Amino acid sequence: MFKIVPIAGAPACRREVEFSYEGNPGHFVAVAGSFNDWDPEVSRMQYDPARHCYLTRIELERGDYEYKFVIDGEWFLDESNPGFAANDFGTLNSILAVE
């Protein structure tokens, strides 16, 4: 799941996107996408025990992006996001539009 919020003091073209993934603690969870060259090491998510989920925040410019969650080395669609597109590997990527 993701939530887009304006960043105080930042140019109007940039937004902060909070990605969250519900899961139990003790796993490697990351978000990888066109915004970070599909590198799960760049946007590793941290477990928040108060919210019972993994979280990370990424500052992005307006535009369209594709992404997936990476959990313990396996790639997954964002099941809470109904937007998706086919990729070159014959699977699907979740879509994120930052306005």
PDB file of N, CA and C in Angstrom:
ATOM      1  N   MET A   1       0.850  -1.155   0.000  1.00  0.00           N
ATOM      2  CA  MET A   1       0.000   0.000   0.000  1.00  0.00           C
ATOM      3  C   MET A   1       0.904   1.228   0.000  1.00  0.00           C
ATOM      4  N   PHE A   2       0.398   2.323  -0.534  1.00  0.00           N
ATOM      5  CA  PHE A   2       1.157   3.556  -0.501  1.00  0.00           C
ATOM      6  C   PHE A   2       0.252   4.723  -0.177  1.00  0.00           C
ATOM      7  N   LYS A   3       0.860   5.778   0.345  1.00  0.00           N
ATOM      8  CA  LYS A   3       0.160   7.019   0.653  1.00  0.00           C
ATOM      9  C   LYS A   3       1.056   8.149   0.176  1.00  0.00           C
ATOM     10  N   ILE A   4       0.500   9.129  -0.549  1.00  0.00           N
ATOM     11  CA  ILE A   4       1.262  10.248  -1.085  1.00  0.00           C
ATOM     12  C   ILE A   4       0.912  11.503  -0.303  1.00  0.00           C
ATOM     13  N   VAL A   5       1.947  12.215   0.169  1.00  0.00           N
ATOM     14  CA  VAL A   5       1.722  13.447   0.915  1.00  0.00           C
ATOM     15  C   VAL A   5       2.679  14.532   0.428  1.00  0.00           C
ATOM     16  N   PRO A   6       2.252  15.821   0.451  1.00  0.00           N
ATOM     17  CA  PRO A   6       3.169  16.906   0.102  1.00  0.00           C
ATOM     18  C   PRO A   6       4.296  16.987   1.127  1.00  0.00           C
ATOM     19  N   ILE A   7       5.439  17.457   0.714  1.00  0.00           N
ATOM     20  CA  ILE A   7       6.580  17.619   1.611  1.00  0.00           C
ATOM     21  C   ILE A   7       6.679  19.103   1.963  1.00  0.00           C
ATOM     22  N   ALA A   8       6.627  19.415   3.235  1.00  0.00           N
ATOM     23  CA  ALA A   8       6.711  20.813   3.669  1.00  0.00           C
ATOM     24  C   ALA A   8       8.025  21.432   3.221  1.00  0.00           C
ATOM     25  N   GLY A   9       7.940  22.575   2.565  1.00  0.00           N
ATOM     26  CA  GLY A   9       9.137  23.288   2.134  1.00  0.00           C
ATOM     27  C   GLY A   9       9.764  22.784   0.859  1.00  0.00           C
ATOM     28  N   ALA A  10       9.258  21.701   0.291  1.00  0.00           N
ATOM     29  CA  ALA A  10       9.830  21.143  -0.942  1.00  0.00           C
ATOM     30  C   ALA A  10       9.129  21.758  -2.149  1.00  0.00           C
ATOM     31  N   PRO A  11       9.779  21.727  -3.318  1.00  0.00           N
ATOM     32  CA  PRO A  11       9.115  22.217  -4.531  1.00  0.00           C
ATOM     33  C   PRO A  11       7.802  21.469  -4.773  1.00  0.00           C
ATOM     34  N   ALA A  12       6.854  22.141  -5.407  1.00  0.00           N
ATOM     35  CA  ALA A  12       5.531  21.557  -5.637  1.00  0.00           C
ATOM     36  C   ALA A  12       5.580  20.297  -6.481  1.00  0.00           C
ATOM     37  N   CYS A  13       6.657  20.082  -7.212  1.00  0.00           N
ATOM     38  CA  CYS A  13       6.751  18.911  -8.088  1.00  0.00           C
ATOM     39  C   CYS A  13       7.173  17.647  -7.342  1.00  0.00           C
ATOM     40  N   ARG A  14       7.504  17.743  -6.052  1.00  0.00           N
ATOM     41  CA  ARG A  14       7.959  16.576  -5.298  1.00  0.00           C
ATOM     42  C   ARG A  14       6.932  16.193  -4.242  1.00  0.00           C
ATOM     43  N   ARG A  15       6.809  14.888  -4.024  1.00  0.00           N
ATOM     44  CA  ARG A  15       5.903  14.346  -3.014  1.00  0.00           C
ATOM     45  C   ARG A  15       6.638  13.254  -2.237  1.00  0.00           C
ATOM     46  N   GLU A  16       6.187  13.043  -1.019  1.00  0.00           N
ATOM     47  CA  GLU A  16       6.695  11.931  -0.232  1.00  0.00           C
ATOM     48  C   GLU A  16       5.698  10.792  -0.350  1.00  0.00           C
ATOM     49  N   VAL A  17       6.196   9.623  -0.688  1.00  0.00           N
ATOM     50  CA  VAL A  17       5.347   8.439  -0.811  1.00  0.00           C
ATOM     51  C   VAL A  17       5.727   7.488   0.319  1.00  0.00           C
ATOM     52  N   GLU A  18       4.734   7.138   1.122  1.00  0.00           N
ATOM     53  CA  GLU A  18       4.950   6.167   2.189  1.00  0.00           C
ATOM     54  C   GLU A  18       4.438   4.815   1.717  1.00  0.00           C
ATOM     55  N   PHE A  19       5.330   3.854   1.630  1.00  0.00           N
ATOM     56  CA  PHE A  19       4.964   2.489   1.278  1.00  0.00           C
ATOM     57  C   PHE A  19       4.836   1.688   2.564  1.00  0.00           C
ATOM     58  N   SER A  20       3.821   0.838   2.645  1.00  0.00           N
ATOM     59  CA  SER A  20       3.657  -0.036   3.806  1.00  0.00           C
ATOM     60  C   SER A  20       3.294  -1.439   3.323  1.00  0.00           C
ATOM     61  N   TYR A  21       3.756  -2.413   4.091  1.00  0.00           N
ATOM     62  CA  TYR A  21       3.478  -3.808   3.785  1.00  0.00           C
ATOM     63  C   TYR A  21       3.180  -4.525   5.097  1.00  0.00           C
ATOM     64  N   GLU A  22       1.974  -5.084   5.209  1.00  0.00           N
ATOM     65  CA  GLU A  22       1.611  -5.815   6.420  1.00  0.00           C
ATOM     66  C   GLU A  22       2.331  -7.152   6.451  1.00  0.00           C
ATOM     67  N   GLY A  23       2.960  -7.434   7.570  1.00  0.00           N
ATOM     68  CA  GLY A  23       3.665  -8.701   7.714  1.00  0.00           C
ATOM     69  C   GLY A  23       4.226  -8.832   9.114  1.00  0.00           C
ATOM     70  N   ASN A  24       4.707 -10.003   9.421  1.00  0.00           N
ATOM     71  CA  ASN A  24       5.304 -10.267  10.723  1.00  0.00           C
ATOM     72  C   ASN A  24       6.744  -9.797  10.744  1.00  0.00           C
ATOM     73  N   PRO A  25       7.271  -9.430  11.918  1.00  0.00           N
ATOM     74  CA  PRO A  25       8.665  -8.985  11.997  1.00  0.00           C
ATOM     75  C   PRO A  25       9.633 -10.114  11.660  1.00  0.00           C
ATOM     76  N   GLY A  26      10.857  -9.733  11.322  1.00  0.00           N
ATOM     77  CA  GLY A  26      11.908 -10.711  11.097  1.00  0.00           C
ATOM     78  C   GLY A  26      12.162 -11.069   9.649  1.00  0.00           C
ATOM     79  N   HIS A  27      11.625 -10.309   8.726  1.00  0.00           N
ATOM     80  CA  HIS A  27      11.820 -10.588   7.302  1.00  0.00           C
ATOM     81  C   HIS A  27      12.563  -9.442   6.631  1.00  0.00           C
ATOM     82  N   PHE A  28      13.168  -9.745   5.490  1.00  0.00           N
ATOM     83  CA  PHE A  28      13.717  -8.689   4.638  1.00  0.00           C
ATOM     84  C   PHE A  28      12.580  -8.227   3.743  1.00  0.00           C
ATOM     85  N   VAL A  29      12.175  -6.963   3.886  1.00  0.00           N
ATOM     86  CA  VAL A  29      11.106  -6.402   3.069  1.00  0.00           C
ATOM     87  C   VAL A  29      11.609  -5.098   2.469  1.00  0.00           C
ATOM     88  N   ALA A  30      11.395  -4.936   1.171  1.00  0.00           N
ATOM     89  CA  ALA A  30      11.824  -3.730   0.470  1.00  0.00           C
ATOM     90  C   ALA A  30      10.821  -3.411  -0.622  1.00  0.00           C
ATOM     91  N   VAL A  31      10.918  -2.205  -1.146  1.00  0.00           N
ATOM     92  CA  VAL A  31      10.155  -1.836  -2.325  1.00  0.00           C
ATOM     93  C   VAL A  31      11.167  -1.486  -3.407  1.00  0.00           C
ATOM     94  N   ALA A  32      10.968  -2.073  -4.580  1.00  0.00           N
ATOM     95  CA  ALA A  32      11.872  -1.837  -5.709  1.00  0.00           C
ATOM     96  C   ALA A  32      11.026  -1.422  -6.897  1.00  0.00           C
ATOM     97  N   GLY A  33      11.547  -0.457  -7.663  1.00  0.00           N
ATOM     98  CA  GLY A  33      10.777  -0.007  -8.806  1.00  0.00           C
ATOM     99  C   GLY A  33      11.570   0.871  -9.741  1.00  0.00           C
ATOM    100  N   SER A  34      10.846   1.466 -10.668  1.00  0.00           N
ATOM    101  CA  SER A  34      11.486   2.322 -11.665  1.00  0.00           C
ATOM    102  C   SER A  34      12.105   3.553 -11.017  1.00  0.00           C
ATOM    103  N   PHE A  35      11.713   3.884  -9.797  1.00  0.00           N
ATOM    104  CA  PHE A  35      12.259   5.043  -9.088  1.00  0.00           C
ATOM    105  C   PHE A  35      13.597   4.768  -8.423  1.00  0.00           C
ATOM    106  N   ASN A  36      13.999   3.505  -8.296  1.00  0.00           N
ATOM    107  CA  ASN A  36      15.289   3.179  -7.678  1.00  0.00           C
ATOM    108  C   ASN A  36      16.048   2.105  -8.463  1.00  0.00           C
ATOM    109  N   ASP A  37      15.833   2.082  -9.783  1.00  0.00           N
ATOM    110  CA  ASP A  37      16.499   1.124 -10.680  1.00  0.00           C
ATOM    111  C   ASP A  37      16.252  -0.324 -10.280  1.00  0.00           C
ATOM    112  N   TRP A  38      15.096  -0.580  -9.687  1.00  0.00           N
ATOM    113  CA  TRP A  38      14.681  -1.941  -9.311  1.00  0.00           C
ATOM    114  C   TRP A  38      15.668  -2.611  -8.349  1.00  0.00           C
ATOM    115  N   ASP A  39      16.296  -1.825  -7.495  1.00  0.00           N
ATOM    116  CA  ASP A  39      17.279  -2.339  -6.540  1.00  0.00           C
ATOM    117  C   ASP A  39      16.654  -2.420  -5.146  1.00  0.00           C
ATOM    118  N   PRO A  40      16.329  -3.614  -4.644  1.00  0.00           N
ATOM    119  CA  PRO A  40      15.691  -3.740  -3.330  1.00  0.00           C
ATOM    120  C   PRO A  40      16.560  -3.258  -2.173  1.00  0.00           C
ATOM    121  N   GLU A  41      17.867  -3.193  -2.361  1.00  0.00           N
ATOM    122  CA  GLU A  41      18.745  -2.733  -1.284  1.00  0.00           C
ATOM    123  C   GLU A  41      18.615  -1.231  -1.051  1.00  0.00           C
ATOM    124  N   VAL A  42      18.131  -0.488  -2.040  1.00  0.00           N
ATOM    125  CA  VAL A  42      18.037   0.965  -1.938  1.00  0.00           C
ATOM    126  C   VAL A  42      16.891   1.387  -1.018  1.00  0.00           C
ATOM    127  N   SER A  43      15.775   0.689  -1.069  1.00  0.00           N
ATOM    128  CA  SER A  43      14.583   1.097  -0.312  1.00  0.00           C
ATOM    129  C   SER A  43      14.086  -0.013   0.598  1.00  0.00           C
ATOM    130  N   ARG A  44      14.966  -0.434   1.491  1.00  0.00           N
ATOM    131  CA  ARG A  44      14.595  -1.454   2.463  1.00  0.00           C
ATOM    132  C   ARG A  44      13.580  -0.865   3.435  1.00  0.00           C
ATOM    133  N   MET A  45      12.616  -1.663   3.828  1.00  0.00           N
ATOM    134  CA  MET A  45      11.550  -1.220   4.719  1.00  0.00           C
ATOM    135  C   MET A  45      11.839  -1.688   6.145  1.00  0.00           C
ATOM    136  N   GLN A  46      11.452  -0.868   7.120  1.00  0.00           N
ATOM    137  CA  GLN A  46      11.666  -1.180   8.529  1.00  0.00           C
ATOM    138  C   GLN A  46      10.337  -1.571   9.174  1.00  0.00           C
ATOM    139  N   TYR A  47      10.382  -2.528  10.068  1.00  0.00           N
ATOM    140  CA  TYR A  47       9.176  -2.972  10.754  1.00  0.00           C
ATOM    141  C   TYR A  47       8.782  -1.960  11.826  1.00  0.00           C
ATOM    142  N   ASP A  48       7.520  -1.570  11.845  1.00  0.00           N
ATOM    143  CA  ASP A  48       6.965  -0.658  12.849  1.00  0.00           C
ATOM    144  C   ASP A  48       6.009  -1.467  13.732  1.00  0.00           C
ATOM    145  N   PRO A  49       6.424  -1.811  14.955  1.00  0.00           N
ATOM    146  CA  PRO A  49       5.574  -2.646  15.806  1.00  0.00           C
ATOM    147  C   PRO A  49       4.255  -1.963  16.191  1.00  0.00           C
ATOM    148  N   ALA A  50       4.223  -0.641  16.241  1.00  0.00           N
ATOM    149  CA  ALA A  50       2.988   0.059  16.590  1.00  0.00           C
ATOM    150  C   ALA A  50       1.933  -0.086  15.492  1.00  0.00           C
ATOM    151  N   ARG A  51       2.372  -0.142  14.245  1.00  0.00           N
ATOM    152  CA  ARG A  51       1.435  -0.260  13.126  1.00  0.00           C
ATOM    153  C   ARG A  51       1.365  -1.679  12.563  1.00  0.00           C
ATOM    154  N   HIS A  52       2.206  -2.577  13.072  1.00  0.00           N
ATOM    155  CA  HIS A  52       2.242  -3.982  12.643  1.00  0.00           C
ATOM    156  C   HIS A  52       2.488  -4.109  11.135  1.00  0.00           C
ATOM    157  N   CYS A  53       3.431  -3.308  10.625  1.00  0.00           N
ATOM    158  CA  CYS A  53       3.750  -3.387   9.207  1.00  0.00           C
ATOM    159  C   CYS A  53       5.152  -2.841   8.964  1.00  0.00           C
ATOM    160  N   TYR A  54       5.640  -3.105   7.763  1.00  0.00           N
ATOM    161  CA  TYR A  54       6.913  -2.566   7.308  1.00  0.00           C
ATOM    162  C   TYR A  54       6.653  -1.244   6.611  1.00  0.00           C
ATOM    163  N   LEU A  55       7.545  -0.266   6.808  1.00  0.00           N
ATOM    164  CA  LEU A  55       7.359   1.065   6.247  1.00  0.00           C
ATOM    165  C   LEU A  55       8.651   1.602   5.641  1.00  0.00           C
ATOM    166  N   THR A  56       8.488   2.424   4.611  1.00  0.00           N
ATOM    167  CA  THR A  56       9.572   3.266   4.113  1.00  0.00           C
ATOM    168  C   THR A  56       8.937   4.459   3.436  1.00  0.00           C
ATOM    169  N   ARG A  57       9.672   5.550   3.397  1.00  0.00           N
ATOM    170  CA  ARG A  57       9.215   6.770   2.715  1.00  0.00           C
ATOM    171  C   ARG A  57      10.232   7.135   1.656  1.00  0.00           C
ATOM    172  N   ILE A  58       9.711   7.498   0.485  1.00  0.00           N
ATOM    173  CA  ILE A  58      10.563   7.851  -0.651  1.00  0.00           C
ATOM    174  C   ILE A  58      10.064   9.168  -1.225  1.00  0.00           C
ATOM    175  N   GLU A  59      10.975  10.093  -1.482  1.00  0.00           N
ATOM    176  CA  GLU A  59      10.628  11.366  -2.094  1.00  0.00           C
ATOM    177  C   GLU A  59      10.712  11.210  -3.608  1.00  0.00           C
ATOM    178  N   LEU A  60       9.592  11.510  -4.284  1.00  0.00           N
ATOM    179  CA  LEU A  60       9.524  11.325  -5.737  1.00  0.00           C
ATOM    180  C   LEU A  60       8.982  12.574  -6.425  1.00  0.00           C
ATOM    181  N   GLU A  61       9.427  12.790  -7.642  1.00  0.00           N
ATOM    182  CA  GLU A  61       8.858  13.836  -8.470  1.00  0.00           C
ATOM    183  C   GLU A  61       7.559  13.329  -9.069  1.00  0.00           C
ATOM    184  N   ARG A  62       6.733  14.266  -9.533  1.00  0.00           N
ATOM    185  CA  ARG A  62       5.485  13.872 -10.188  1.00  0.00           C
ATOM    186  C   ARG A  62       5.804  13.001 -11.391  1.00  0.00           C
ATOM    187  N   GLY A  63       4.953  12.003 -11.603  1.00  0.00           N
ATOM    188  CA  GLY A  63       5.142  11.102 -12.725  1.00  0.00           C
ATOM    189  C   GLY A  63       4.562   9.740 -12.418  1.00  0.00           C
ATOM    190  N   ASP A  64       4.706   8.843 -13.375  1.00  0.00           N
ATOM    191  CA  ASP A  64       4.214   7.469 -13.235  1.00  0.00           C
ATOM    192  C   ASP A  64       5.388   6.536 -12.987  1.00  0.00           C
ATOM    193  N   TYR A  65       5.198   5.610 -12.063  1.00  0.00           N
ATOM    194  CA  TYR A  65       6.244   4.672 -11.672  1.00  0.00           C
ATOM    195  C   TYR A  65       5.661   3.263 -11.594  1.00  0.00           C
ATOM    196  N   GLU A  66       6.514   2.266 -11.750  1.00  0.00           N
ATOM    197  CA  GLU A  66       6.144   0.878 -11.531  1.00  0.00           C
ATOM    198  C   GLU A  66       6.981   0.352 -10.371  1.00  0.00           C
ATOM    199  N   TYR A  67       6.403  -0.587  -9.609  1.00  0.00           N
ATOM    200  CA  TYR A  67       7.119  -1.107  -8.438  1.00  0.00           C
ATOM    201  C   TYR A  67       6.591  -2.481  -8.048  1.00  0.00           C
ATOM    202  N   LYS A  68       7.364  -3.147  -7.183  1.00  0.00           N
ATOM    203  CA  LYS A  68       6.968  -4.396  -6.533  1.00  0.00           C
ATOM    204  C   LYS A  68       7.564  -4.411  -5.131  1.00  0.00           C
ATOM    205  N   PHE A  69       6.953  -5.202  -4.259  1.00  0.00           N
ATOM    206  CA  PHE A  69       7.548  -5.468  -2.957  1.00  0.00           C
ATOM    207  C   PHE A  69       8.467  -6.682  -3.090  1.00  0.00           C
ATOM    208  N   VAL A  70       9.570  -6.674  -2.341  1.00  0.00           N
ATOM    209  CA  VAL A  70      10.498  -7.799  -2.308  1.00  0.00           C
ATOM    210  C   VAL A  70      10.525  -8.303  -0.873  1.00  0.00           C
ATOM    211  N   ILE A  71      10.085  -9.542  -0.680  1.00  0.00           N
ATOM    212  CA  ILE A  71      10.022 -10.138   0.653  1.00  0.00           C
ATOM    213  C   ILE A  71      10.892 -11.383   0.651  1.00  0.00           C
ATOM    214  N   ASP A  72      11.951 -11.332   1.443  1.00  0.00           N
ATOM    215  CA  ASP A  72      12.899 -12.453   1.537  1.00  0.00           C
ATOM    216  C   ASP A  72      13.335 -12.940   0.152  1.00  0.00           C
ATOM    217  N   GLY A  73      13.584 -11.999  -0.752  1.00  0.00           N
ATOM    218  CA  GLY A  73      14.109 -12.326  -2.077  1.00  0.00           C
ATOM    219  C   GLY A  73      13.062 -12.630  -3.137  1.00  0.00           C
ATOM    220  N   GLU A  74      11.789 -12.713  -2.772  1.00  0.00           N
ATOM    221  CA  GLU A  74      10.726 -12.973  -3.747  1.00  0.00           C
ATOM    222  C   GLU A  74       9.974 -11.679  -4.047  1.00  0.00           C
ATOM    223  N   TRP A  75       9.577 -11.509  -5.309  1.00  0.00           N
ATOM    224  CA  TRP A  75       8.938 -10.281  -5.777  1.00  0.00           C
ATOM    225  C   TRP A  75       7.420 -10.450  -5.810  1.00  0.00           C
ATOM    226  N   PHE A  76       6.686  -9.423  -5.268  1.00  0.00           N
ATOM    227  CA  PHE A  76       5.237  -9.492  -5.162  1.00  0.00           C
ATOM    228  C   PHE A  76       4.590  -8.177  -5.598  1.00  0.00           C
ATOM    229  N   LEU A  77       3.403  -8.294  -6.211  1.00  0.00           N
ATOM    230  CA  LEU A  77       2.580  -7.124  -6.488  1.00  0.00           C
ATOM    231  C   LEU A  77       2.075  -6.531  -5.174  1.00  0.00           C
ATOM    232  N   ASP A  78       1.729  -5.262  -5.197  1.00  0.00           N
ATOM    233  CA  ASP A  78       1.052  -4.622  -4.077  1.00  0.00           C
ATOM    234  C   ASP A  78      -0.419  -4.997  -4.194  1.00  0.00           C
ATOM    235  N   GLU A  79      -0.879  -5.953  -3.399  1.00  0.00           N
ATOM    236  CA  GLU A  79      -2.247  -6.462  -3.501  1.00  0.00           C
ATOM    237  C   GLU A  79      -3.300  -5.413  -3.161  1.00  0.00           C
ATOM    238  N   SER A  80      -2.921  -4.352  -2.457  1.00  0.00           N
ATOM    239  CA  SER A  80      -3.886  -3.305  -2.117  1.00  0.00           C
ATOM    240  C   SER A  80      -4.014  -2.262  -3.231  1.00  0.00           C
ATOM    241  N   ASN A  81      -3.205  -2.380  -4.274  1.00  0.00           N
ATOM    242  CA  ASN A  81      -3.221  -1.433  -5.389  1.00  0.00           C
ATOM    243  C   ASN A  81      -3.829  -2.115  -6.618  1.00  0.00           C
ATOM    244  N   PRO A  82      -4.985  -1.636  -7.099  1.00  0.00           N
ATOM    245  CA  PRO A  82      -5.613  -2.279  -8.261  1.00  0.00           C
ATOM    246  C   PRO A  82      -4.931  -1.961  -9.589  1.00  0.00           C
ATOM    247  N   GLY A  83      -4.006  -1.005  -9.603  1.00  0.00           N
ATOM    248  CA  GLY A  83      -3.319  -0.641 -10.842  1.00  0.00           C
ATOM    249  C   GLY A  83      -2.097  -1.504 -11.084  1.00  0.00           C
ATOM    250  N   PHE A  84      -1.987  -2.056 -12.293  1.00  0.00           N
ATOM    251  CA  PHE A  84      -0.818  -2.874 -12.630  1.00  0.00           C
ATOM    252  C   PHE A  84      -0.569  -2.821 -14.134  1.00  0.00           C
ATOM    253  N   ALA A  85       0.638  -3.224 -14.521  1.00  0.00           N
ATOM    254  CA  ALA A  85       1.022  -3.259 -15.934  1.00  0.00           C
ATOM    255  C   ALA A  85       1.907  -4.475 -16.166  1.00  0.00           C
ATOM    256  N   ALA A  86       1.847  -5.021 -17.367  1.00  0.00           N
ATOM    257  CA  ALA A  86       2.708  -6.149 -17.733  1.00  0.00           C
ATOM    258  C   ALA A  86       4.153  -5.666 -17.843  1.00  0.00           C
ATOM    259  N   ASN A  87       5.079  -6.562 -17.505  1.00  0.00           N
ATOM    260  CA  ASN A  87       6.498  -6.225 -17.641  1.00  0.00           C
ATOM    261  C   ASN A  87       7.172  -7.168 -18.640  1.00  0.00           C
ATOM    262  N   ASP A  88       8.466  -6.958 -18.876  1.00  0.00           N
ATOM    263  CA  ASP A  88       9.222  -7.742 -19.858  1.00  0.00           C
ATOM    264  C   ASP A  88       9.475  -9.183 -19.427  1.00  0.00           C
ATOM    265  N   PHE A  89       9.146  -9.531 -18.181  1.00  0.00           N
ATOM    266  CA  PHE A  89       9.393 -10.875 -17.667  1.00  0.00           C
ATOM    267  C   PHE A  89       8.139 -11.745 -17.709  1.00  0.00           C
ATOM    268  N   GLY A  90       7.054 -11.207 -18.268  1.00  0.00           N
ATOM    269  CA  GLY A  90       5.817 -11.975 -18.354  1.00  0.00           C
ATOM    270  C   GLY A  90       5.011 -11.962 -17.078  1.00  0.00           C
ATOM    271  N   THR A  91       5.353 -11.070 -16.155  1.00  0.00           N
ATOM    272  CA  THR A  91       4.588 -10.916 -14.920  1.00  0.00           C
ATOM    273  C   THR A  91       4.031  -9.488 -14.881  1.00  0.00           C
ATOM    274  N   LEU A  92       3.560  -9.075 -13.719  1.00  0.00           N
ATOM    275  CA  LEU A  92       2.954  -7.759 -13.581  1.00  0.00           C
ATOM    276  C   LEU A  92       3.709  -6.906 -12.562  1.00  0.00           C
ATOM    277  N   ASN A  93       3.660  -5.588 -12.759  1.00  0.00           N
ATOM    278  CA  ASN A  93       4.174  -4.617 -11.806  1.00  0.00           C
ATOM    279  C   ASN A  93       3.031  -3.746 -11.327  1.00  0.00           C
ATOM    280  N   SER A  94       3.075  -3.318 -10.093  1.00  0.00           N
ATOM    281  CA  SER A  94       2.108  -2.349  -9.575  1.00  0.00           C
ATOM    282  C   SER A  94       2.453  -0.976 -10.131  1.00  0.00           C
ATOM    283  N   ILE A  95       1.433  -0.120 -10.270  1.00  0.00           N
ATOM    284  CA  ILE A  95       1.622   1.215 -10.839  1.00  0.00           C
ATOM    285  C   ILE A  95       1.342   2.265  -9.776  1.00  0.00           C
ATOM    286  N   LEU A  96       2.162   3.292  -9.784  1.00  0.00           N
ATOM    287  CA  LEU A  96       2.036   4.415  -8.859  1.00  0.00           C
ATOM    288  C   LEU A  96       2.055   5.702  -9.673  1.00  0.00           C
ATOM    289  N   ALA A  97       1.022   6.535  -9.527  1.00  0.00           N
ATOM    290  CA  ALA A  97       0.976   7.847 -10.184  1.00  0.00           C
ATOM    291  C   ALA A  97       1.135   8.922  -9.117  1.00  0.00           C
ATOM    292  N   VAL A  98       2.214   9.683  -9.201  1.00  0.00           N
ATOM    293  CA  VAL A  98       2.467  10.768  -8.272  1.00  0.00           C
ATOM    294  C   VAL A  98       2.072  12.061  -8.954  1.00  0.00           C
ATOM    295  N   GLU A  99       1.078  12.750  -8.389  1.00  0.00           N
ATOM    296  CA  GLU A  99       0.583  14.011  -9.000  1.00  0.00           C
ATOM    297  C   GLU A  99       0.901  15.193  -8.119  1.00  0.00           C
TER     298      GLU A  99
END
